[in-house]
Amino acid sequence: MATGTALRRNLLAAFVEHPASAGESYGQHCRRALRVSWTLAAASMAALVHALVPAWCTTRASDAVFELHDDLQRVRASQETA
């Protein structure tokens, strides 16, 4: 039984400790991670289109990366002041 309890504790830690270390609840962290994932997927597709037709999507991928960088820097700064 101790193994089952330890497993449950480890699973709980996986869903709670990291988001808490980022100053977020699980839901907040999940939403942010999904938004980053979606943005990167869209940027990846724009880069693919740009690779095939250089006149299309000329700055979409780099714009997305810069926007993500700025957003994540704001998050990090707010964590450091909290």
C-alpha atoms as a PDB file:
ATOM      1  CA  MET A   1       0.000   0.000   0.000  1.00  0.00           C
ATOM      2  CA  ALA A   2       2.859   2.404   0.617  1.00  0.00           C
ATOM      3  CA  THR A   3       3.747   2.197  -3.083  1.00  0.00           C
ATOM      4  CA  GLY A   4       0.247   3.293  -4.119  1.00  0.00           C
ATOM      5  CA  THR A   5       0.354   6.164  -1.661  1.00  0.00           C
ATOM      6  CA  ALA A   6       3.784   7.248  -2.881  1.00  0.00           C
ATOM      7  CA  LEU A   7       2.590   7.091  -6.484  1.00  0.00           C
ATOM      8  CA  ARG A   8      -0.440   9.258  -5.689  1.00  0.00           C
ATOM      9  CA  ARG A   9       1.799  11.726  -3.874  1.00  0.00           C
ATOM     10  CA  ASN A  10       4.183  11.882  -6.854  1.00  0.00           C
ATOM     11  CA  LEU A  11       1.303  12.427  -9.280  1.00  0.00           C
ATOM     12  CA  LEU A  12      -0.126  15.180  -7.109  1.00  0.00           C
ATOM     13  CA  ALA A  13       3.299  16.794  -6.933  1.00  0.00           C
ATOM     14  CA  ALA A  14       3.592  16.691 -10.726  1.00  0.00           C
ATOM     15  CA  PHE A  15       0.326  18.620 -11.091  1.00  0.00           C
ATOM     16  CA  VAL A  16       0.809  21.054  -8.216  1.00  0.00           C
ATOM     17  CA  GLU A  17       4.455  21.749  -7.404  1.00  0.00           C
ATOM     18  CA  HIS A  18       5.720  23.057 -10.750  1.00  0.00           C
ATOM     19  CA  PRO A  19       2.778  25.412 -11.390  1.00  0.00           C
ATOM     20  CA  ALA A  20       3.088  26.623  -7.794  1.00  0.00           C
ATOM     21  CA  SER A  21       6.803  27.279  -8.315  1.00  0.00           C
ATOM     22  CA  ALA A  22       5.783  29.489 -11.252  1.00  0.00           C
ATOM     23  CA  GLY A  23       3.267  31.317  -9.041  1.00  0.00           C
ATOM     24  CA  GLU A  24       0.258  29.799 -10.823  1.00  0.00           C
ATOM     25  CA  SER A  25      -2.513  27.332 -10.174  1.00  0.00           C
ATOM     26  CA  TYR A  26      -2.672  24.189 -12.292  1.00  0.00           C
ATOM     27  CA  GLY A  27      -5.422  25.736 -14.442  1.00  0.00           C
ATOM     28  CA  GLN A  28      -3.510  28.980 -14.998  1.00  0.00           C
ATOM     29  CA  HIS A  29      -0.354  27.083 -15.866  1.00  0.00           C
ATOM     30  CA  CYS A  30      -2.243  24.763 -18.204  1.00  0.00           C
ATOM     31  CA  ARG A  31      -3.842  27.694 -20.060  1.00  0.00           C
ATOM     32  CA  ARG A  32      -0.502  29.483 -20.453  1.00  0.00           C
ATOM     33  CA  ALA A  33       1.244  26.317 -21.663  1.00  0.00           C
ATOM     34  CA  LEU A  34      -1.551  25.601 -24.155  1.00  0.00           C
ATOM     35  CA  ARG A  35      -1.391  29.183 -25.445  1.00  0.00           C
ATOM     36  CA  VAL A  36       2.385  28.887 -25.909  1.00  0.00           C
ATOM     37  CA  SER A  37       1.926  25.525 -27.632  1.00  0.00           C
ATOM     38  CA  TRP A  38      -0.730  26.892 -29.993  1.00  0.00           C
ATOM     39  CA  THR A  39       1.360  29.968 -30.809  1.00  0.00           C
ATOM     40  CA  LEU A  40       4.423  27.862 -31.563  1.00  0.00           C
ATOM     41  CA  ALA A  41       2.396  25.455 -33.723  1.00  0.00           C
ATOM     42  CA  ALA A  42       0.948  28.360 -35.731  1.00  0.00           C
ATOM     43  CA  ALA A  43       4.401  29.935 -36.066  1.00  0.00           C
ATOM     44  CA  SER A  44       5.781  26.604 -37.239  1.00  0.00           C
ATOM     45  CA  MET A  45       3.130  26.356 -39.936  1.00  0.00           C
ATOM     46  CA  ALA A  46       3.833  29.944 -41.016  1.00  0.00           C
ATOM     47  CA  ALA A  47       7.542  29.124 -41.267  1.00  0.00           C
ATOM     48  CA  LEU A  48       6.701  26.074 -43.395  1.00  0.00           C
ATOM     49  CA  VAL A  49       4.559  28.176 -45.722  1.00  0.00           C
ATOM     50  CA  HIS A  50       7.319  30.773 -45.894  1.00  0.00           C
ATOM     51  CA  ALA A  51       9.871  28.096 -46.753  1.00  0.00           C
ATOM     52  CA  LEU A  52       7.750  26.951 -49.690  1.00  0.00           C
ATOM     53  CA  VAL A  53       6.647  30.419 -50.859  1.00  0.00           C
ATOM     54  CA  PRO A  54       9.109  33.034 -49.541  1.00  0.00           C
ATOM     55  CA  ALA A  55       6.788  35.966 -50.321  1.00  0.00           C
ATOM     56  CA  TRP A  56       4.147  34.643 -47.906  1.00  0.00           C
ATOM     57  CA  CYS A  57       4.242  34.817 -44.096  1.00  0.00           C
ATOM     58  CA  THR A  58       7.458  36.806 -44.223  1.00  0.00           C
ATOM     59  CA  THR A  59       7.530  37.774 -40.536  1.00  0.00           C
ATOM     60  CA  ARG A  60       4.794  35.709 -38.865  1.00  0.00           C
ATOM     61  CA  ALA A  61       7.060  33.102 -37.252  1.00  0.00           C
ATOM     62  CA  SER A  62       9.619  35.587 -35.942  1.00  0.00           C
ATOM     63  CA  ASP A  63       6.860  37.951 -34.747  1.00  0.00           C
ATOM     64  CA  ALA A  64       5.328  35.075 -32.762  1.00  0.00           C
ATOM     65  CA  VAL A  65       8.677  34.172 -31.185  1.00  0.00           C
ATOM     66  CA  PHE A  66       9.314  37.783 -30.177  1.00  0.00           C
ATOM     67  CA  GLU A  67       5.794  38.104 -28.719  1.00  0.00           C
ATOM     68  CA  LEU A  68       6.221  34.882 -26.745  1.00  0.00           C
ATOM     69  CA  HIS A  69       9.587  36.064 -25.473  1.00  0.00           C
ATOM     70  CA  ASP A  70       8.097  39.355 -24.294  1.00  0.00           C
ATOM     71  CA  ASP A  71       5.155  37.579 -22.625  1.00  0.00           C
ATOM     72  CA  LEU A  72       7.377  35.083 -20.836  1.00  0.00           C
ATOM     73  CA  GLN A  73       9.734  37.858 -19.714  1.00  0.00           C
ATOM     74  CA  ARG A  74       6.733  39.688 -18.183  1.00  0.00           C
ATOM     75  CA  VAL A  75       5.703  36.488 -16.395  1.00  0.00           C
ATOM     76  CA  ARG A  76       9.213  35.963 -15.063  1.00  0.00           C
ATOM     77  CA  ALA A  77       9.469  39.586 -13.888  1.00  0.00           C
ATOM     78  CA  SER A  78       6.148  39.345 -12.060  1.00  0.00           C
ATOM     79  CA  GLN A  79       7.320  36.147 -10.342  1.00  0.00           C
ATOM     80  CA  GLU A  80      10.524  37.804  -9.191  1.00  0.00           C
ATOM     81  CA  THR A  81       8.652  40.737  -7.641  1.00  0.00           C
ATOM     82  CA  ALA A  82       6.100  38.479  -5.913  1.00  0.00           C
END
